[in-house]
Amino acid sequence: MNKVILIGNLTRDLEVRHSKDGLIIANSSLAINEFKGTEKEKTIFIDFSLFGKNAENANKYLKKGSRVAIFGKLDFQSWISQGLSKNKHAVIVDEITFLDKREKQEDEVIYKEEVVQYEN
């Protein structure tokens, strides 16, 4: 079984393109912090790809630094660059969950309690 679940922050804005068939494809990278107790031990970086509606919605709402959970499968990618063989692991995302709190919309009203102090 090939199933990956990761929680982290986007290291950059999504790079969006369209396939020859018109499918939306979005790529980015996730920074995942590993902790040992309360101490941060290390940060792992992994690229991921989104397709279709997932890519469209992510591009609409996410930006560098956004916190997300991605669910998908691990993929091994290899290519040749400047005559050298390169390879990496990446995640092909089946599902993405946005974990940041929703930002206030322009038409929303936030009520603030005003405190007035009186001197005696």
N, C-alpha and C. Protein backbone atom coordinates (compact mmCIF):
# COMPACT_ATOMS: atom_id res chain seq x y z
N MET A 1 0.85 -1.18 0.00
CA MET A 1 0.00 0.00 0.00
C MET A 1 0.89 1.24 0.00
N ASN A 2 0.54 2.21 -0.80
CA ASN A 2 1.30 3.45 -0.92
C ASN A 2 0.38 4.60 -0.51
N LYS A 3 0.44 4.99 0.76
CA LYS A 3 -0.41 6.07 1.30
C LYS A 3 0.45 6.98 2.17
N VAL A 4 0.38 8.28 1.90
CA VAL A 4 1.18 9.27 2.63
C VAL A 4 0.24 10.32 3.21
N ILE A 5 0.46 10.68 4.48
CA ILE A 5 -0.26 11.78 5.12
C ILE A 5 0.80 12.69 5.73
N LEU A 6 0.82 13.95 5.31
CA LEU A 6 1.80 14.91 5.81
C LEU A 6 1.11 16.21 6.21
N ILE A 7 1.62 16.83 7.27
CA ILE A 7 1.15 18.15 7.70
C ILE A 7 2.35 19.07 7.73
N GLY A 8 2.21 20.23 7.09
CA GLY A 8 3.32 21.18 7.07
C GLY A 8 2.88 22.51 6.46
N ASN A 9 3.88 23.33 6.13
CA ASN A 9 3.64 24.66 5.58
C ASN A 9 4.23 24.76 4.18
N LEU A 10 3.49 25.45 3.29
CA LEU A 10 3.99 25.65 1.93
C LEU A 10 5.26 26.50 1.97
N THR A 11 6.28 26.07 1.24
CA THR A 11 7.53 26.81 1.20
C THR A 11 7.52 27.90 0.13
N ARG A 12 6.54 27.83 -0.76
CA ARG A 12 6.42 28.83 -1.83
C ARG A 12 4.98 28.81 -2.35
N ASP A 13 4.62 29.86 -3.06
CA ASP A 13 3.31 29.89 -3.70
C ASP A 13 3.22 28.76 -4.72
N LEU A 14 2.01 28.33 -5.00
CA LEU A 14 1.80 27.26 -5.98
C LEU A 14 2.21 27.72 -7.38
N GLU A 15 2.82 26.82 -8.13
CA GLU A 15 3.13 27.05 -9.54
C GLU A 15 2.06 26.31 -10.33
N VAL A 16 1.24 27.05 -11.06
CA VAL A 16 0.09 26.46 -11.74
C VAL A 16 0.31 26.45 -13.25
N ARG A 17 -0.09 25.34 -13.86
CA ARG A 17 -0.03 25.22 -15.32
C ARG A 17 -1.19 24.34 -15.77
N HIS A 18 -1.37 24.24 -17.06
CA HIS A 18 -2.44 23.40 -17.63
C HIS A 18 -1.81 22.33 -18.52
N SER A 19 -2.36 21.13 -18.45
CA SER A 19 -1.89 20.06 -19.32
C SER A 19 -2.43 20.29 -20.73
N LYS A 20 -1.98 19.49 -21.68
CA LYS A 20 -2.47 19.59 -23.06
C LYS A 20 -3.98 19.36 -23.12
N ASP A 21 -4.49 18.56 -22.19
CA ASP A 21 -5.93 18.25 -22.13
C ASP A 21 -6.72 19.29 -21.35
N GLY A 22 -6.05 20.33 -20.83
CA GLY A 22 -6.73 21.39 -20.08
C GLY A 22 -6.83 21.15 -18.59
N LEU A 23 -6.23 20.06 -18.08
CA LEU A 23 -6.25 19.76 -16.65
C LEU A 23 -5.34 20.74 -15.90
N ILE A 24 -5.84 21.30 -14.80
CA ILE A 24 -5.04 22.21 -13.98
C ILE A 24 -4.09 21.39 -13.12
N ILE A 25 -2.81 21.79 -13.12
CA ILE A 25 -1.79 21.12 -12.32
C ILE A 25 -1.11 22.18 -11.47
N ALA A 26 -0.98 21.93 -10.18
CA ALA A 26 -0.30 22.87 -9.27
C ALA A 26 0.81 22.12 -8.54
N ASN A 27 1.97 22.76 -8.45
CA ASN A 27 3.11 22.17 -7.75
C ASN A 27 3.61 23.13 -6.68
N SER A 28 4.09 22.56 -5.59
CA SER A 28 4.72 23.34 -4.54
C SER A 28 5.56 22.40 -3.69
N SER A 29 5.98 22.89 -2.56
CA SER A 29 6.80 22.11 -1.64
C SER A 29 6.29 22.34 -0.23
N LEU A 30 6.42 21.32 0.60
CA LEU A 30 5.95 21.37 1.98
C LEU A 30 7.14 21.26 2.92
N ALA A 31 7.15 22.10 3.96
CA ALA A 31 8.15 22.01 5.03
C ALA A 31 7.47 21.33 6.21
N ILE A 32 8.05 20.21 6.65
CA ILE A 32 7.47 19.44 7.75
C ILE A 32 8.46 19.43 8.90
N ASN A 33 8.07 19.99 10.02
CA ASN A 33 8.94 20.03 11.20
C ASN A 33 8.78 18.76 12.01
N GLU A 34 9.90 18.16 12.38
CA GLU A 34 9.89 16.98 13.25
C GLU A 34 10.35 17.41 14.63
N PHE A 35 9.64 16.96 15.65
CA PHE A 35 9.95 17.32 17.02
C PHE A 35 10.31 16.08 17.83
N LYS A 36 11.20 16.27 18.78
CA LYS A 36 11.50 15.25 19.77
C LYS A 36 11.14 15.90 21.09
N GLY A 37 9.97 15.53 21.62
CA GLY A 37 9.45 16.24 22.79
C GLY A 37 9.00 17.61 22.36
N THR A 38 9.54 18.65 22.99
CA THR A 38 9.19 20.02 22.61
C THR A 38 10.28 20.67 21.76
N GLU A 39 11.38 19.96 21.54
CA GLU A 39 12.50 20.49 20.76
C GLU A 39 12.35 20.12 19.28
N LYS A 40 12.50 21.12 18.40
CA LYS A 40 12.47 20.85 16.97
C LYS A 40 13.76 20.13 16.60
N GLU A 41 13.62 18.95 16.03
CA GLU A 41 14.77 18.14 15.68
C GLU A 41 15.29 18.46 14.29
N LYS A 42 14.38 18.51 13.31
CA LYS A 42 14.78 18.82 11.94
C LYS A 42 13.55 19.18 11.11
N THR A 43 13.81 19.72 9.93
CA THR A 43 12.75 20.05 8.99
C THR A 43 12.99 19.26 7.71
N ILE A 44 11.93 18.63 7.23
CA ILE A 44 11.99 17.86 5.99
C ILE A 44 11.22 18.64 4.92
N PHE A 45 11.75 18.66 3.70
CA PHE A 45 11.09 19.34 2.59
C PHE A 45 10.71 18.30 1.54
N ILE A 46 9.47 18.38 1.05
CA ILE A 46 9.04 17.45 0.01
C ILE A 46 8.11 18.17 -0.98
N ASP A 47 8.37 17.92 -2.25
CA ASP A 47 7.53 18.50 -3.31
C ASP A 47 6.23 17.72 -3.42
N PHE A 48 5.19 18.40 -3.91
CA PHE A 48 3.92 17.72 -4.13
C PHE A 48 3.22 18.32 -5.34
N SER A 49 2.30 17.53 -5.90
CA SER A 49 1.52 17.96 -7.07
C SER A 49 0.04 17.74 -6.81
N LEU A 50 -0.76 18.72 -7.23
CA LEU A 50 -2.22 18.67 -7.14
C LEU A 50 -2.79 18.74 -8.55
N PHE A 51 -3.98 18.14 -8.73
CA PHE A 51 -4.60 18.12 -10.04
C PHE A 51 -6.07 18.50 -9.95
N GLY A 52 -6.60 19.05 -11.05
CA GLY A 52 -8.02 19.34 -11.16
C GLY A 52 -8.54 20.31 -10.12
N LYS A 53 -9.69 19.96 -9.50
CA LYS A 53 -10.34 20.83 -8.50
C LYS A 53 -9.43 21.09 -7.30
N ASN A 54 -8.66 20.08 -6.87
CA ASN A 54 -7.73 20.30 -5.76
C ASN A 54 -6.75 21.41 -6.10
N ALA A 55 -6.22 21.39 -7.32
CA ALA A 55 -5.26 22.41 -7.75
C ALA A 55 -5.94 23.77 -7.85
N GLU A 56 -7.14 23.80 -8.39
CA GLU A 56 -7.89 25.05 -8.56
C GLU A 56 -8.18 25.70 -7.20
N ASN A 57 -8.71 24.92 -6.26
CA ASN A 57 -9.04 25.46 -4.93
C ASN A 57 -7.80 25.86 -4.15
N ALA A 58 -6.76 25.06 -4.23
CA ALA A 58 -5.52 25.39 -3.52
C ALA A 58 -4.94 26.69 -4.05
N ASN A 59 -4.95 26.86 -5.36
CA ASN A 59 -4.42 28.09 -5.96
C ASN A 59 -5.23 29.31 -5.53
N LYS A 60 -6.51 29.12 -5.31
CA LYS A 60 -7.40 30.22 -4.91
C LYS A 60 -7.16 30.65 -3.46
N TYR A 61 -6.87 29.70 -2.57
CA TYR A 61 -6.84 30.00 -1.14
C TYR A 61 -5.48 29.91 -0.45
N LEU A 62 -4.51 29.27 -1.06
CA LEU A 62 -3.23 29.04 -0.38
C LEU A 62 -2.14 29.96 -0.90
N LYS A 63 -1.16 30.21 -0.03
CA LYS A 63 0.01 31.00 -0.40
C LYS A 63 1.19 30.48 0.42
N LYS A 64 2.35 30.99 0.13
CA LYS A 64 3.55 30.60 0.88
C LYS A 64 3.27 30.75 2.38
N GLY A 65 3.60 29.71 3.15
CA GLY A 65 3.39 29.73 4.60
C GLY A 65 2.10 29.08 5.05
N SER A 66 1.14 28.87 4.12
CA SER A 66 -0.13 28.24 4.49
C SER A 66 0.11 26.85 5.07
N ARG A 67 -0.66 26.52 6.11
CA ARG A 67 -0.55 25.21 6.76
C ARG A 67 -1.60 24.28 6.16
N VAL A 68 -1.15 23.10 5.73
CA VAL A 68 -2.04 22.14 5.09
C VAL A 68 -1.74 20.72 5.54
N ALA A 69 -2.71 19.86 5.34
CA ALA A 69 -2.51 18.41 5.45
C ALA A 69 -2.72 17.86 4.05
N ILE A 70 -1.78 17.05 3.59
CA ILE A 70 -1.94 16.43 2.28
C ILE A 70 -2.02 14.91 2.44
N PHE A 71 -2.87 14.31 1.64
CA PHE A 71 -3.08 12.87 1.63
C PHE A 71 -2.84 12.41 0.20
N GLY A 72 -1.99 11.44 0.01
CA GLY A 72 -1.73 10.99 -1.35
C GLY A 72 -0.81 9.80 -1.39
N LYS A 73 -0.07 9.69 -2.49
CA LYS A 73 0.86 8.58 -2.63
C LYS A 73 2.25 9.09 -2.98
N LEU A 74 3.24 8.36 -2.52
CA LEU A 74 4.64 8.70 -2.76
C LEU A 74 5.00 8.32 -4.19
N ASP A 75 5.70 9.21 -4.87
CA ASP A 75 6.09 8.99 -6.25
C ASP A 75 7.60 9.21 -6.37
N PHE A 76 8.27 8.36 -7.13
CA PHE A 76 9.70 8.52 -7.39
C PHE A 76 9.86 9.10 -8.78
N GLN A 77 10.51 10.26 -8.87
CA GLN A 77 10.66 10.95 -10.15
C GLN A 77 12.13 11.03 -10.51
N SER A 78 12.45 10.79 -11.77
CA SER A 78 13.84 10.91 -12.22
C SER A 78 13.87 11.62 -13.58
N TRP A 79 14.97 12.35 -13.82
CA TRP A 79 15.13 13.12 -15.04
C TRP A 79 16.62 13.39 -15.24
N ILE A 80 16.95 13.93 -16.41
CA ILE A 80 18.34 14.27 -16.70
C ILE A 80 18.42 15.78 -16.85
N SER A 81 19.35 16.40 -16.12
CA SER A 81 19.55 17.84 -16.16
C SER A 81 21.03 18.12 -16.39
N GLN A 82 21.33 18.82 -17.45
CA GLN A 82 22.71 19.16 -17.82
C GLN A 82 23.60 17.92 -17.85
N GLY A 83 23.04 16.85 -18.41
CA GLY A 83 23.79 15.61 -18.55
C GLY A 83 23.88 14.76 -17.30
N LEU A 84 23.33 15.24 -16.19
CA LEU A 84 23.38 14.49 -14.94
C LEU A 84 22.02 13.88 -14.62
N SER A 85 22.05 12.66 -14.12
CA SER A 85 20.82 11.98 -13.72
C SER A 85 20.39 12.52 -12.35
N LYS A 86 19.15 12.96 -12.25
CA LYS A 86 18.60 13.50 -10.99
C LYS A 86 17.37 12.69 -10.62
N ASN A 87 17.07 12.64 -9.31
CA ASN A 87 15.85 11.98 -8.87
C ASN A 87 15.41 12.53 -7.52
N LYS A 88 14.14 12.31 -7.22
CA LYS A 88 13.58 12.76 -5.94
C LYS A 88 12.28 12.01 -5.67
N HIS A 89 11.87 12.05 -4.43
CA HIS A 89 10.55 11.57 -4.04
C HIS A 89 9.63 12.79 -3.97
N ALA A 90 8.39 12.61 -4.35
CA ALA A 90 7.38 13.66 -4.27
C ALA A 90 6.05 12.99 -3.93
N VAL A 91 5.06 13.81 -3.58
CA VAL A 91 3.73 13.28 -3.25
C VAL A 91 2.74 13.71 -4.33
N ILE A 92 2.00 12.73 -4.84
CA ILE A 92 0.88 12.99 -5.74
C ILE A 92 -0.35 13.07 -4.83
N VAL A 93 -0.93 14.26 -4.71
CA VAL A 93 -1.98 14.52 -3.72
C VAL A 93 -3.36 14.09 -4.23
N ASP A 94 -4.04 13.28 -3.40
CA ASP A 94 -5.43 12.89 -3.68
C ASP A 94 -6.40 13.82 -2.96
N GLU A 95 -5.98 14.31 -1.79
CA GLU A 95 -6.85 15.15 -0.96
C GLU A 95 -5.98 16.15 -0.21
N ILE A 96 -6.48 17.37 -0.05
CA ILE A 96 -5.76 18.40 0.71
C ILE A 96 -6.74 19.07 1.67
N THR A 97 -6.27 19.33 2.89
CA THR A 97 -7.08 20.02 3.89
C THR A 97 -6.35 21.29 4.28
N PHE A 98 -7.05 22.42 4.22
CA PHE A 98 -6.47 23.71 4.60
C PHE A 98 -6.58 23.83 6.12
N LEU A 99 -5.48 24.08 6.81
CA LEU A 99 -5.47 24.09 8.27
C LEU A 99 -5.39 25.48 8.88
N ASP A 100 -5.14 26.51 8.07
CA ASP A 100 -5.10 27.87 8.61
C ASP A 100 -6.50 28.32 8.98
N LYS A 101 -6.57 29.22 9.98
CA LYS A 101 -7.86 29.81 10.33
C LYS A 101 -8.28 30.73 9.21
N ARG A 102 -9.57 30.79 8.98
CA ARG A 102 -10.11 31.64 7.93
C ARG A 102 -9.85 33.10 8.25
N GLU A 103 -9.39 33.85 7.25
CA GLU A 103 -9.15 35.28 7.44
C GLU A 103 -10.47 36.04 7.37
N LYS A 104 -10.51 37.18 8.05
CA LYS A 104 -11.70 38.04 8.06
C LYS A 104 -11.96 38.56 6.65
N GLN A 105 -13.20 38.45 6.21
CA GLN A 105 -13.61 38.98 4.92
C GLN A 105 -13.85 40.49 5.06
N GLU A 106 -13.76 41.22 3.95
CA GLU A 106 -13.93 42.67 3.97
C GLU A 106 -15.29 43.10 4.51
N ASP A 107 -16.34 42.32 4.21
CA ASP A 107 -17.67 42.73 4.61
C ASP A 107 -18.06 42.23 6.00
N GLU A 108 -17.15 41.53 6.69
CA GLU A 108 -17.44 41.06 8.04
C GLU A 108 -17.17 42.17 9.05
N VAL A 109 -17.96 42.20 10.10
CA VAL A 109 -17.77 43.18 11.16
C VAL A 109 -17.26 42.45 12.38
N ILE A 110 -16.19 42.93 12.94
CA ILE A 110 -15.65 42.36 14.17
C ILE A 110 -16.01 43.33 15.29
N TYR A 111 -16.71 42.82 16.29
CA TYR A 111 -17.10 43.66 17.41
C TYR A 111 -16.01 43.62 18.47
N LYS A 112 -15.62 44.79 18.90
CA LYS A 112 -14.58 44.91 19.90
C LYS A 112 -15.19 45.59 21.12
N GLU A 113 -14.94 45.01 22.27
CA GLU A 113 -15.46 45.60 23.49
C GLU A 113 -14.57 46.79 23.86
N GLU A 114 -15.20 47.92 24.06
CA GLU A 114 -14.45 49.11 24.44
C GLU A 114 -14.42 49.21 25.96
N VAL A 115 -13.24 49.39 26.49
CA VAL A 115 -13.08 49.50 27.94
C VAL A 115 -12.80 50.96 28.28
N VAL A 116 -13.61 51.51 29.15
CA VAL A 116 -13.42 52.89 29.58
C VAL A 116 -13.04 52.86 31.05
N GLN A 117 -11.95 53.52 31.38
CA GLN A 117 -11.51 53.55 32.77
C GLN A 117 -11.84 54.92 33.37
N TYR A 118 -12.36 54.90 34.59
CA TYR A 118 -12.68 56.14 35.30
C TYR A 118 -11.75 56.26 36.49
N GLU A 119 -11.30 57.46 36.72
CA GLU A 119 -10.48 57.70 37.90
C GLU A 119 -11.36 58.21 39.03
N ASN A 120 -11.12 57.74 40.24
CA ASN A 120 -11.88 58.20 41.41
C ASN A 120 -11.20 59.35 42.07
